[in-house]
mmCIF file of all heavy atoms, coordinates in Angstrom:
data_MODEL
# 
_entry.id   MODEL 
# 
loop_
_atom_site.group_PDB 
_atom_site.id 
_atom_site.type_symbol 
_atom_site.label_atom_id 
_atom_site.label_alt_id 
_atom_site.label_comp_id 
_atom_site.label_asym_id 
_atom_site.label_entity_id 
_atom_site.label_seq_id 
_atom_site.pdbx_PDB_ins_code 
_atom_site.Cartn_x 
_atom_site.Cartn_y 
_atom_site.Cartn_z 
_atom_site.occupancy 
_atom_site.B_iso_or_equiv 
_atom_site.pdbx_formal_charge 
_atom_site.auth_seq_id 
_atom_site.auth_comp_id 
_atom_site.auth_asym_id 
_atom_site.auth_atom_id 
_atom_site.pdbx_PDB_model_num 
ATOM 1   N N   . LEU A 1 1  ? 73.355 -73.646 50.685 1.00 0.00 ? 1  LEU A N   1 
ATOM 2   C CA  . LEU A 1 1  ? 72.403 -73.254 51.725 1.00 0.00 ? 1  LEU A CA  1 
ATOM 3   C C   . LEU A 1 1  ? 73.062 -72.339 52.757 1.00 0.00 ? 1  LEU A C   1 
ATOM 4   O O   . LEU A 1 1  ? 72.463 -71.360 53.209 1.00 0.00 ? 1  LEU A O   1 
ATOM 5   C CB  . LEU A 1 1  ? 71.845 -74.493 52.418 1.00 0.00 ? 1  LEU A CB  1 
ATOM 6   C CG  . LEU A 1 1  ? 70.634 -75.160 51.770 1.00 0.00 ? 1  LEU A CG  1 
ATOM 7   C CD1 . LEU A 1 1  ? 70.375 -76.519 52.411 1.00 0.00 ? 1  LEU A CD1 1 
ATOM 8   C CD2 . LEU A 1 1  ? 69.391 -74.283 51.884 1.00 0.00 ? 1  LEU A CD2 1 
ATOM 9   N N   . ARG A 1 2  ? 74.292 -72.669 53.141 1.00 0.00 ? 2  ARG A N   1 
ATOM 10  C CA  . ARG A 1 2  ? 75.013 -71.858 54.129 1.00 0.00 ? 2  ARG A CA  1 
ATOM 11  C C   . ARG A 1 2  ? 75.184 -70.433 53.632 1.00 0.00 ? 2  ARG A C   1 
ATOM 12  O O   . ARG A 1 2  ? 74.894 -69.466 54.342 1.00 0.00 ? 2  ARG A O   1 
ATOM 13  C CB  . ARG A 1 2  ? 76.375 -72.469 54.429 1.00 0.00 ? 2  ARG A CB  1 
ATOM 14  C CG  . ARG A 1 2  ? 76.332 -73.749 55.244 1.00 0.00 ? 2  ARG A CG  1 
ATOM 15  C CD  . ARG A 1 2  ? 77.735 -74.341 55.413 1.00 0.00 ? 2  ARG A CD  1 
ATOM 16  N NE  . ARG A 1 2  ? 78.592 -73.501 56.231 1.00 0.00 ? 2  ARG A NE  1 
ATOM 17  C CZ  . ARG A 1 2  ? 79.583 -72.737 55.777 1.00 0.00 ? 2  ARG A CZ  1 
ATOM 18  N NH1 . ARG A 1 2  ? 79.845 -72.694 54.468 1.00 0.00 ? 2  ARG A NH1 1 
ATOM 19  N NH2 . ARG A 1 2  ? 80.303 -72.015 56.601 1.00 0.00 ? 2  ARG A NH2 1 
ATOM 20  N N   . VAL A 1 3  ? 75.672 -70.302 52.409 1.00 0.00 ? 3  VAL A N   1 
ATOM 21  C CA  . VAL A 1 3  ? 75.924 -68.966 51.870 1.00 0.00 ? 3  VAL A CA  1 
ATOM 22  C C   . VAL A 1 3  ? 74.615 -68.194 51.710 1.00 0.00 ? 3  VAL A C   1 
ATOM 23  O O   . VAL A 1 3  ? 74.543 -66.996 52.022 1.00 0.00 ? 3  VAL A O   1 
ATOM 24  C CB  . VAL A 1 3  ? 76.676 -69.068 50.528 1.00 0.00 ? 3  VAL A CB  1 
ATOM 25  C CG1 . VAL A 1 3  ? 76.794 -67.688 49.871 1.00 0.00 ? 3  VAL A CG1 1 
ATOM 26  C CG2 . VAL A 1 3  ? 78.051 -69.673 50.740 1.00 0.00 ? 3  VAL A CG2 1 
ATOM 27  N N   . ALA A 1 4  ? 73.566 -68.881 51.250 1.00 0.00 ? 4  ALA A N   1 
ATOM 28  C CA  . ALA A 1 4  ? 72.266 -68.225 51.089 1.00 0.00 ? 4  ALA A CA  1 
ATOM 29  C C   . ALA A 1 4  ? 71.775 -67.662 52.415 1.00 0.00 ? 4  ALA A C   1 
ATOM 30  O O   . ALA A 1 4  ? 71.285 -66.525 52.493 1.00 0.00 ? 4  ALA A O   1 
ATOM 31  C CB  . ALA A 1 4  ? 71.251 -69.212 50.524 1.00 0.00 ? 4  ALA A CB  1 
ATOM 32  N N   . ARG A 1 5  ? 71.915 -68.453 53.468 1.00 0.00 ? 5  ARG A N   1 
ATOM 33  C CA  . ARG A 1 5  ? 71.460 -67.995 54.781 1.00 0.00 ? 5  ARG A CA  1 
ATOM 34  C C   . ARG A 1 5  ? 72.324 -66.864 55.313 1.00 0.00 ? 5  ARG A C   1 
ATOM 35  O O   . ARG A 1 5  ? 71.827 -65.935 55.942 1.00 0.00 ? 5  ARG A O   1 
ATOM 36  C CB  . ARG A 1 5  ? 71.473 -69.168 55.766 1.00 0.00 ? 5  ARG A CB  1 
ATOM 37  C CG  . ARG A 1 5  ? 70.856 -68.841 57.122 1.00 0.00 ? 5  ARG A CG  1 
ATOM 38  C CD  . ARG A 1 5  ? 69.423 -68.405 56.971 1.00 0.00 ? 5  ARG A CD  1 
ATOM 39  N NE  . ARG A 1 5  ? 68.727 -68.379 58.243 1.00 0.00 ? 5  ARG A NE  1 
ATOM 40  C CZ  . ARG A 1 5  ? 67.500 -67.913 58.415 1.00 0.00 ? 5  ARG A CZ  1 
ATOM 41  N NH1 . ARG A 1 5  ? 66.831 -67.434 57.376 1.00 0.00 ? 5  ARG A NH1 1 
ATOM 42  N NH2 . ARG A 1 5  ? 66.918 -67.941 59.589 1.00 0.00 ? 5  ARG A NH2 1 
ATOM 43  N N   . MET A 1 6  ? 73.619 -66.936 55.074 1.00 0.00 ? 6  MET A N   1 
ATOM 44  C CA  . MET A 1 6  ? 74.513 -65.864 55.523 1.00 0.00 ? 6  MET A CA  1 
ATOM 45  C C   . MET A 1 6  ? 74.140 -64.538 54.862 1.00 0.00 ? 6  MET A C   1 
ATOM 46  O O   . MET A 1 6  ? 74.105 -63.490 55.517 1.00 0.00 ? 6  MET A O   1 
ATOM 47  C CB  . MET A 1 6  ? 75.962 -66.239 55.222 1.00 0.00 ? 6  MET A CB  1 
ATOM 48  C CG  . MET A 1 6  ? 76.481 -67.388 56.088 1.00 0.00 ? 6  MET A CG  1 
ATOM 49  S SD  . MET A 1 6  ? 78.000 -68.134 55.467 1.00 0.00 ? 6  MET A SD  1 
ATOM 50  C CE  . MET A 1 6  ? 79.188 -66.848 55.830 1.00 0.00 ? 6  MET A CE  1 
ATOM 51  N N   . ILE A 1 7  ? 73.842 -64.598 53.564 1.00 0.00 ? 7  ILE A N   1 
ATOM 52  C CA  . ILE A 1 7  ? 73.405 -63.384 52.863 1.00 0.00 ? 7  ILE A CA  1 
ATOM 53  C C   . ILE A 1 7  ? 72.119 -62.861 53.481 1.00 0.00 ? 7  ILE A C   1 
ATOM 54  O O   . ILE A 1 7  ? 71.969 -61.659 53.727 1.00 0.00 ? 7  ILE A O   1 
ATOM 55  C CB  . ILE A 1 7  ? 73.201 -63.677 51.362 1.00 0.00 ? 7  ILE A CB  1 
ATOM 56  C CG1 . ILE A 1 7  ? 74.534 -64.004 50.689 1.00 0.00 ? 7  ILE A CG1 1 
ATOM 57  C CG2 . ILE A 1 7  ? 72.524 -62.495 50.657 1.00 0.00 ? 7  ILE A CG2 1 
ATOM 58  C CD1 . ILE A 1 7  ? 74.389 -64.588 49.300 1.00 0.00 ? 7  ILE A CD1 1 
ATOM 59  N N   . GLY A 1 8  ? 71.177 -63.767 53.740 1.00 0.00 ? 8  GLY A N   1 
ATOM 60  C CA  . GLY A 1 8  ? 69.917 -63.365 54.329 1.00 0.00 ? 8  GLY A CA  1 
ATOM 61  C C   . GLY A 1 8  ? 70.093 -62.686 55.672 1.00 0.00 ? 8  GLY A C   1 
ATOM 62  O O   . GLY A 1 8  ? 69.473 -61.649 55.954 1.00 0.00 ? 8  GLY A O   1 
ATOM 63  N N   . HIS A 1 9  ? 70.946 -63.237 56.515 1.00 0.00 ? 9  HIS A N   1 
ATOM 64  C CA  . HIS A 1 9  ? 71.117 -62.677 57.860 1.00 0.00 ? 9  HIS A CA  1 
ATOM 65  C C   . HIS A 1 9  ? 71.725 -61.284 57.826 1.00 0.00 ? 9  HIS A C   1 
ATOM 66  O O   . HIS A 1 9  ? 71.451 -60.469 58.708 1.00 0.00 ? 9  HIS A O   1 
ATOM 67  C CB  . HIS A 1 9  ? 71.956 -63.620 58.726 1.00 0.00 ? 9  HIS A CB  1 
ATOM 68  C CG  . HIS A 1 9  ? 71.124 -64.485 59.611 1.00 0.00 ? 9  HIS A CG  1 
ATOM 69  N ND1 . HIS A 1 9  ? 70.618 -64.062 60.818 1.00 0.00 ? 9  HIS A ND1 1 
ATOM 70  C CD2 . HIS A 1 9  ? 70.660 -65.725 59.448 1.00 0.00 ? 9  HIS A CD2 1 
ATOM 71  C CE1 . HIS A 1 9  ? 69.910 -65.022 61.367 1.00 0.00 ? 9  HIS A CE1 1 
ATOM 72  N NE2 . HIS A 1 9  ? 69.905 -66.042 60.552 1.00 0.00 ? 9  HIS A NE2 1 
ATOM 73  N N   . ILE A 1 10 ? 72.536 -61.005 56.835 1.00 0.00 ? 10 ILE A N   1 
ATOM 74  C CA  . ILE A 1 10 ? 73.068 -59.648 56.702 1.00 0.00 ? 10 ILE A CA  1 
ATOM 75  C C   . ILE A 1 10 ? 71.924 -58.657 56.514 1.00 0.00 ? 10 ILE A C   1 
ATOM 76  O O   . ILE A 1 10 ? 71.940 -57.543 57.049 1.00 0.00 ? 10 ILE A O   1 
ATOM 77  C CB  . ILE A 1 10 ? 74.049 -59.570 55.519 1.00 0.00 ? 10 ILE A CB  1 
ATOM 78  C CG1 . ILE A 1 10 ? 75.298 -60.409 55.811 1.00 0.00 ? 10 ILE A CG1 1 
ATOM 79  C CG2 . ILE A 1 10 ? 74.449 -58.114 55.245 1.00 0.00 ? 10 ILE A CG2 1 
ATOM 80  C CD1 . ILE A 1 10 ? 76.214 -60.580 54.607 1.00 0.00 ? 10 ILE A CD1 1 
ATOM 81  N N   . THR A 1 11 ? 70.900 -59.067 55.779 1.00 0.00 ? 11 THR A N   1 
ATOM 82  C CA  . THR A 1 11 ? 69.783 -58.156 55.504 1.00 0.00 ? 11 THR A CA  1 
ATOM 83  C C   . THR A 1 11 ? 68.782 -58.083 56.659 1.00 0.00 ? 11 THR A C   1 
ATOM 84  O O   . THR A 1 11 ? 67.983 -57.161 56.711 1.00 0.00 ? 11 THR A O   1 
ATOM 85  C CB  . THR A 1 11 ? 69.030 -58.579 54.225 1.00 0.00 ? 11 THR A CB  1 
ATOM 86  O OG1 . THR A 1 11 ? 68.301 -59.797 54.461 1.00 0.00 ? 11 THR A OG1 1 
ATOM 87  C CG2 . THR A 1 11 ? 69.979 -58.775 53.068 1.00 0.00 ? 11 THR A CG2 1 
ATOM 88  N N   . TYR A 1 12 ? 68.799 -59.063 57.568 1.00 0.00 ? 12 TYR A N   1 
ATOM 89  C CA  . TYR A 1 12 ? 67.830 -59.069 58.660 1.00 0.00 ? 12 TYR A CA  1 
ATOM 90  C C   . TYR A 1 12 ? 68.221 -58.124 59.794 1.00 0.00 ? 12 TYR A C   1 
ATOM 91  O O   . TYR A 1 12 ? 67.363 -57.673 60.552 1.00 0.00 ? 12 TYR A O   1 
ATOM 92  C CB  . TYR A 1 12 ? 67.682 -60.480 59.243 1.00 0.00 ? 12 TYR A CB  1 
ATOM 93  C CG  . TYR A 1 12 ? 67.217 -61.523 58.261 1.00 0.00 ? 12 TYR A CG  1 
ATOM 94  C CD1 . TYR A 1 12 ? 67.562 -62.862 58.415 1.00 0.00 ? 12 TYR A CD1 1 
ATOM 95  C CD2 . TYR A 1 12 ? 66.448 -61.175 57.155 1.00 0.00 ? 12 TYR A CD2 1 
ATOM 96  C CE1 . TYR A 1 12 ? 67.149 -63.827 57.513 1.00 0.00 ? 12 TYR A CE1 1 
ATOM 97  C CE2 . TYR A 1 12 ? 66.035 -62.130 56.245 1.00 0.00 ? 12 TYR A CE2 1 
ATOM 98  C CZ  . TYR A 1 12 ? 66.388 -63.461 56.429 1.00 0.00 ? 12 TYR A CZ  1 
ATOM 99  O OH  . TYR A 1 12 ? 65.988 -64.409 55.530 1.00 0.00 ? 12 TYR A OH  1 
ATOM 100 N N   . LEU A 1 13 ? 69.529 -57.857 59.935 1.00 0.00 ? 13 LEU A N   1 
ATOM 101 C CA  . LEU A 1 13 ? 70.015 -57.031 61.034 1.00 0.00 ? 13 LEU A CA  1 
ATOM 102 C C   . LEU A 1 13 ? 70.299 -55.613 60.554 1.00 0.00 ? 13 LEU A C   1 
ATOM 103 O O   . LEU A 1 13 ? 70.697 -55.400 59.412 1.00 0.00 ? 13 LEU A O   1 
ATOM 104 C CB  . LEU A 1 13 ? 71.290 -57.631 61.623 1.00 0.00 ? 13 LEU A CB  1 
ATOM 105 C CG  . LEU A 1 13 ? 71.192 -59.042 62.208 1.00 0.00 ? 13 LEU A CG  1 
ATOM 106 C CD1 . LEU A 1 13 ? 72.577 -59.511 62.658 1.00 0.00 ? 13 LEU A CD1 1 
ATOM 107 C CD2 . LEU A 1 13 ? 70.213 -59.094 63.361 1.00 0.00 ? 13 LEU A CD2 1 
ATOM 108 N N   . SER A 1 14 ? 70.116 -54.660 61.444 1.00 0.00 ? 14 SER A N   1 
ATOM 109 C CA  . SER A 1 14 ? 70.470 -53.283 61.122 1.00 0.00 ? 14 SER A CA  1 
ATOM 110 C C   . SER A 1 14 ? 71.959 -53.071 61.354 1.00 0.00 ? 14 SER A C   1 
ATOM 111 O O   . SER A 1 14 ? 72.622 -53.838 62.067 1.00 0.00 ? 14 SER A O   1 
ATOM 112 C CB  . SER A 1 14 ? 69.678 -52.311 61.994 1.00 0.00 ? 14 SER A CB  1 
ATOM 113 O OG  . SER A 1 14 ? 70.126 -52.371 63.346 1.00 0.00 ? 14 SER A OG  1 
ATOM 114 N N   . ASP A 1 15 ? 72.503 -52.004 60.783 1.00 0.00 ? 15 ASP A N   1 
ATOM 115 C CA  . ASP A 1 15 ? 73.911 -51.673 60.980 1.00 0.00 ? 15 ASP A CA  1 
ATOM 116 C C   . ASP A 1 15 ? 74.181 -51.405 62.447 1.00 0.00 ? 15 ASP A C   1 
ATOM 117 O O   . ASP A 1 15 ? 75.196 -51.856 63.010 1.00 0.00 ? 15 ASP A O   1 
ATOM 118 C CB  . ASP A 1 15 ? 74.269 -50.455 60.120 1.00 0.00 ? 15 ASP A CB  1 
ATOM 119 C CG  . ASP A 1 15 ? 75.751 -50.133 60.160 1.00 0.00 ? 15 ASP A CG  1 
ATOM 120 O OD1 . ASP A 1 15 ? 76.568 -51.068 60.120 1.00 0.00 ? 15 ASP A OD1 1 
ATOM 121 O OD2 . ASP A 1 15 ? 76.102 -48.938 60.238 1.00 0.00 ? 15 ASP A OD2 1 
ATOM 122 N N   . ASP A 1 16 ? 73.274 -50.691 63.113 1.00 0.00 ? 16 ASP A N   1 
ATOM 123 C CA  . ASP A 1 16 ? 73.445 -50.382 64.535 1.00 0.00 ? 16 ASP A CA  1 
ATOM 124 C C   . ASP A 1 16 ? 73.431 -51.650 65.374 1.00 0.00 ? 16 ASP A C   1 
ATOM 125 O O   . ASP A 1 16 ? 74.209 -51.793 66.324 1.00 0.00 ? 16 ASP A O   1 
ATOM 126 C CB  . ASP A 1 16 ? 72.342 -49.435 65.012 1.00 0.00 ? 16 ASP A CB  1 
ATOM 127 C CG  . ASP A 1 16 ? 72.502 -48.027 64.471 1.00 0.00 ? 16 ASP A CG  1 
ATOM 128 O OD1 . ASP A 1 16 ? 73.606 -47.708 63.981 1.00 0.00 ? 16 ASP A OD1 1 
ATOM 129 O OD2 . ASP A 1 16 ? 71.521 -47.261 64.522 1.00 0.00 ? 16 ASP A OD2 1 
ATOM 130 N N   . ASP A 1 17 ? 72.539 -52.584 65.033 1.00 0.00 ? 17 ASP A N   1 
ATOM 131 C CA  . ASP A 1 17 ? 72.445 -53.829 65.785 1.00 0.00 ? 17 ASP A CA  1 
ATOM 132 C C   . ASP A 1 17 ? 73.714 -54.657 65.613 1.00 0.00 ? 17 ASP A C   1 
ATOM 133 O O   . ASP A 1 17 ? 74.247 -55.233 66.575 1.00 0.00 ? 17 ASP A O   1 
ATOM 134 C CB  . ASP A 1 17 ? 71.226 -54.624 65.309 1.00 0.00 ? 17 ASP A CB  1 
ATOM 135 C CG  . ASP A 1 17 ? 70.749 -55.631 66.349 1.00 0.00 ? 17 ASP A CG  1 
ATOM 136 O OD1 . ASP A 1 17 ? 70.985 -55.402 67.549 1.00 0.00 ? 17 ASP A OD1 1 
ATOM 137 O OD2 . ASP A 1 17 ? 70.127 -56.629 65.960 1.00 0.00 ? 17 ASP A OD2 1 
ATOM 138 N N   . MET A 1 18 ? 74.232 -54.716 64.387 1.00 0.00 ? 18 MET A N   1 
ATOM 139 C CA  . MET A 1 18 ? 75.484 -55.430 64.148 1.00 0.00 ? 18 MET A CA  1 
ATOM 140 C C   . MET A 1 18 ? 76.629 -54.793 64.922 1.00 0.00 ? 18 MET A C   1 
ATOM 141 O O   . MET A 1 18 ? 77.459 -55.490 65.515 1.00 0.00 ? 18 MET A O   1 
ATOM 142 C CB  . MET A 1 18 ? 75.820 -55.431 62.657 1.00 0.00 ? 18 MET A CB  1 
ATOM 143 C CG  . MET A 1 18 ? 75.171 -56.533 61.860 1.00 0.00 ? 18 MET A CG  1 
ATOM 144 S SD  . MET A 1 18 ? 76.018 -56.705 60.278 1.00 0.00 ? 18 MET A SD  1 
ATOM 145 C CE  . MET A 1 18 ? 74.942 -57.882 59.470 1.00 0.00 ? 18 MET A CE  1 
ATOM 146 N N   . ALA A 1 19 ? 76.673 -53.458 64.911 1.00 0.00 ? 19 ALA A N   1 
ATOM 147 C CA  . ALA A 1 19 ? 77.756 -52.757 65.600 1.00 0.00 ? 19 ALA A CA  1 
ATOM 148 C C   . ALA A 1 19 ? 77.706 -53.021 67.096 1.00 0.00 ? 19 ALA A C   1 
ATOM 149 O O   . ALA A 1 19 ? 78.743 -53.248 67.737 1.00 0.00 ? 19 ALA A O   1 
ATOM 150 C CB  . ALA A 1 19 ? 77.667 -51.256 65.323 1.00 0.00 ? 19 ALA A CB  1 
ATOM 151 N N   . GLU A 1 20 ? 76.494 -53.013 67.654 1.00 0.00 ? 20 GLU A N   1 
ATOM 152 C CA  . GLU A 1 20 ? 76.360 -53.216 69.098 1.00 0.00 ? 20 GLU A CA  1 
ATOM 153 C C   . GLU A 1 20 ? 76.676 -54.657 69.495 1.00 0.00 ? 20 GLU A C   1 
ATOM 154 O O   . GLU A 1 20 ? 77.330 -54.905 70.518 1.00 0.00 ? 20 GLU A O   1 
ATOM 155 C CB  . GLU A 1 20 ? 74.937 -52.867 69.546 1.00 0.00 ? 20 GLU A CB  1 
ATOM 156 C CG  . GLU A 1 20 ? 74.728 -53.007 71.047 1.00 0.00 ? 20 GLU A CG  1 
ATOM 157 C CD  . GLU A 1 20 ? 73.342 -52.589 71.492 1.00 0.00 ? 20 GLU A CD  1 
ATOM 158 O OE1 . GLU A 1 20 ? 72.642 -51.901 70.714 1.00 0.00 ? 20 GLU A OE1 1 
ATOM 159 O OE2 . GLU A 1 20 ? 72.951 -52.954 72.619 1.00 0.00 ? 20 GLU A OE2 1 
ATOM 160 N N   . LYS A 1 21 ? 76.232 -55.612 68.689 1.00 0.00 ? 21 LYS A N   1 
ATOM 161 C CA  . LYS A 1 21 ? 76.430 -57.023 69.026 1.00 0.00 ? 21 LYS A CA  1 
ATOM 162 C C   . LYS A 1 21 ? 77.859 -57.489 68.770 1.00 0.00 ? 21 LYS A C   1 
ATOM 163 O O   . LYS A 1 21 ? 78.412 -58.284 69.537 1.00 0.00 ? 21 LYS A O   1 
ATOM 164 C CB  . LYS A 1 21 ? 75.479 -57.900 68.206 1.00 0.00 ? 21 LYS A CB  1 
ATOM 165 C CG  . LYS A 1 21 ? 74.031 -57.858 68.659 1.00 0.00 ? 21 LYS A CG  1 
ATOM 166 C CD  . LYS A 1 21 ? 73.185 -58.800 67.806 1.00 0.00 ? 21 LYS A CD  1 
ATOM 167 C CE  . LYS A 1 21 ? 71.746 -58.838 68.281 1.00 0.00 ? 21 LYS A CE  1 
ATOM 168 N NZ  . LYS A 1 21 ? 70.912 -59.744 67.442 1.00 0.00 ? 21 LYS A NZ  1 
ATOM 169 N N   . PHE A 1 22 ? 78.464 -57.007 67.667 1.00 0.00 ? 22 PHE A N   1 
ATOM 170 C CA  . PHE A 1 22 ? 79.736 -57.575 67.235 1.00 0.00 ? 22 PHE A CA  1 
ATOM 171 C C   . PHE A 1 22 ? 80.847 -56.547 67.055 1.00 0.00 ? 22 PHE A C   1 
ATOM 172 O O   . PHE A 1 22 ? 82.004 -56.846 67.344 1.00 0.00 ? 22 PHE A O   1 
ATOM 173 C CB  . PHE A 1 22 ? 79.552 -58.332 65.914 1.00 0.00 ? 22 PHE A CB  1 
ATOM 174 C CG  . PHE A 1 22 ? 78.429 -59.323 65.931 1.00 0.00 ? 22 PHE A CG  1 
ATOM 175 C CD1 . PHE A 1 22 ? 77.245 -59.076 65.243 1.00 0.00 ? 22 PHE A CD1 1 
ATOM 176 C CD2 . PHE A 1 22 ? 78.545 -60.506 66.639 1.00 0.00 ? 22 PHE A CD2 1 
ATOM 177 C CE1 . PHE A 1 22 ? 76.208 -59.994 65.250 1.00 0.00 ? 22 PHE A CE1 1 
ATOM 178 C CE2 . PHE A 1 22 ? 77.514 -61.432 66.661 1.00 0.00 ? 22 PHE A CE2 1 
ATOM 179 C CZ  . PHE A 1 22 ? 76.336 -61.172 65.969 1.00 0.00 ? 22 PHE A CZ  1 
ATOM 180 N N   . GLY A 1 23 ? 80.490 -55.349 66.548 1.00 0.00 ? 23 GLY A N   1 
ATOM 181 C CA  . GLY A 1 23 ? 81.517 -54.367 66.247 1.00 0.00 ? 23 GLY A CA  1 
ATOM 182 C C   . GLY A 1 23 ? 82.609 -54.975 65.381 1.00 0.00 ? 23 GLY A C   1 
ATOM 183 O O   . GLY A 1 23 ? 82.331 -55.718 64.436 1.00 0.00 ? 23 GLY A O   1 
ATOM 184 N N   . ARG A 1 24 ? 83.852 -54.682 65.749 1.00 0.00 ? 24 ARG A N   1 
ATOM 185 C CA  . ARG A 1 24 ? 85.003 -55.281 65.070 1.00 0.00 ? 24 ARG A CA  1 
ATOM 186 C C   . ARG A 1 24 ? 85.725 -56.266 65.996 1.00 0.00 ? 24 ARG A C   1 
ATOM 187 O O   . ARG A 1 24 ? 86.925 -56.505 65.868 1.00 0.00 ? 24 ARG A O   1 
ATOM 188 C CB  . ARG A 1 24 ? 85.962 -54.194 64.586 1.00 0.00 ? 24 ARG A CB  1 
ATOM 189 C CG  . ARG A 1 24 ? 85.420 -53.398 63.396 1.00 0.00 ? 24 ARG A CG  1 
ATOM 190 C CD  . ARG A 1 24 ? 86.460 -52.366 62.929 1.00 0.00 ? 24 ARG A CD  1 
ATOM 191 N NE  . ARG A 1 24 ? 87.747 -52.967 62.618 1.00 0.00 ? 24 ARG A NE  1 
ATOM 192 C CZ  . ARG A 1 24 ? 88.063 -53.514 61.438 1.00 0.00 ? 24 ARG A CZ  1 
ATOM 193 N NH1 . ARG A 1 24 ? 87.158 -53.531 60.466 1.00 0.00 ? 24 ARG A NH1 1 
ATOM 194 N NH2 . ARG A 1 24 ? 89.263 -54.023 61.239 1.00 0.00 ? 24 ARG A NH2 1 
ATOM 195 N N   . GLU A 1 25 ? 84.961 -56.833 66.928 1.00 0.00 ? 25 GLU A N   1 
ATOM 196 C CA  . GLU A 1 25 ? 85.547 -57.797 67.860 1.00 0.00 ? 25 GLU A CA  1 
ATOM 197 C C   . GLU A 1 25 ? 86.148 -58.984 67.114 1.00 0.00 ? 25 GLU A C   1 
ATOM 198 O O   . GLU A 1 25 ? 85.538 -59.528 66.186 1.00 0.00 ? 25 GLU A O   1 
ATOM 199 C CB  . GLU A 1 25 ? 84.488 -58.306 68.831 1.00 0.00 ? 25 GLU A CB  1 
ATOM 200 C CG  . GLU A 1 25 ? 84.124 -57.333 69.934 1.00 0.00 ? 25 GLU A CG  1 
ATOM 201 C CD  . GLU A 1 25 ? 85.262 -57.165 70.937 1.00 0.00 ? 25 GLU A CD  1 
ATOM 202 O OE1 . GLU A 1 25 ? 85.862 -58.178 71.348 1.00 0.00 ? 25 GLU A OE1 1 
ATOM 203 O OE2 . GLU A 1 25 ? 85.553 -56.000 71.288 1.00 0.00 ? 25 GLU A OE2 1 
ATOM 204 N N   . LEU A 1 26 ? 87.324 -59.379 67.544 1.00 0.00 ? 26 LEU A N   1 
ATOM 205 C CA  . LEU A 1 26 ? 88.001 -60.523 66.947 1.00 0.00 ? 26 LEU A CA  1 
ATOM 206 C C   . LEU A 1 26 ? 87.714 -61.796 67.734 1.00 0.00 ? 26 LEU A C   1 
ATOM 207 O O   . LEU A 1 26 ? 87.499 -61.758 68.944 1.00 0.00 ? 26 LEU A O   1 
ATOM 208 C CB  . LEU A 1 26 ? 89.516 -60.289 66.914 1.00 0.00 ? 26 LEU A CB  1 
ATOM 209 C CG  . LEU A 1 26 ? 90.017 -59.168 66.003 1.00 0.00 ? 26 LEU A CG  1 
ATOM 210 C CD1 . LEU A 1 26 ? 91.492 -58.910 66.262 1.00 0.00 ? 26 LEU A CD1 1 
ATOM 211 C CD2 . LEU A 1 26 ? 89.788 -59.520 64.541 1.00 0.00 ? 26 LEU A CD2 1 
# 
């Protein structure tokens, strides 16, 4: 279930949204 949801969330967000929210922050 965890992996399935993680895959899903990758598809729900845009590349720009991911970059703005997280970027390459450690």
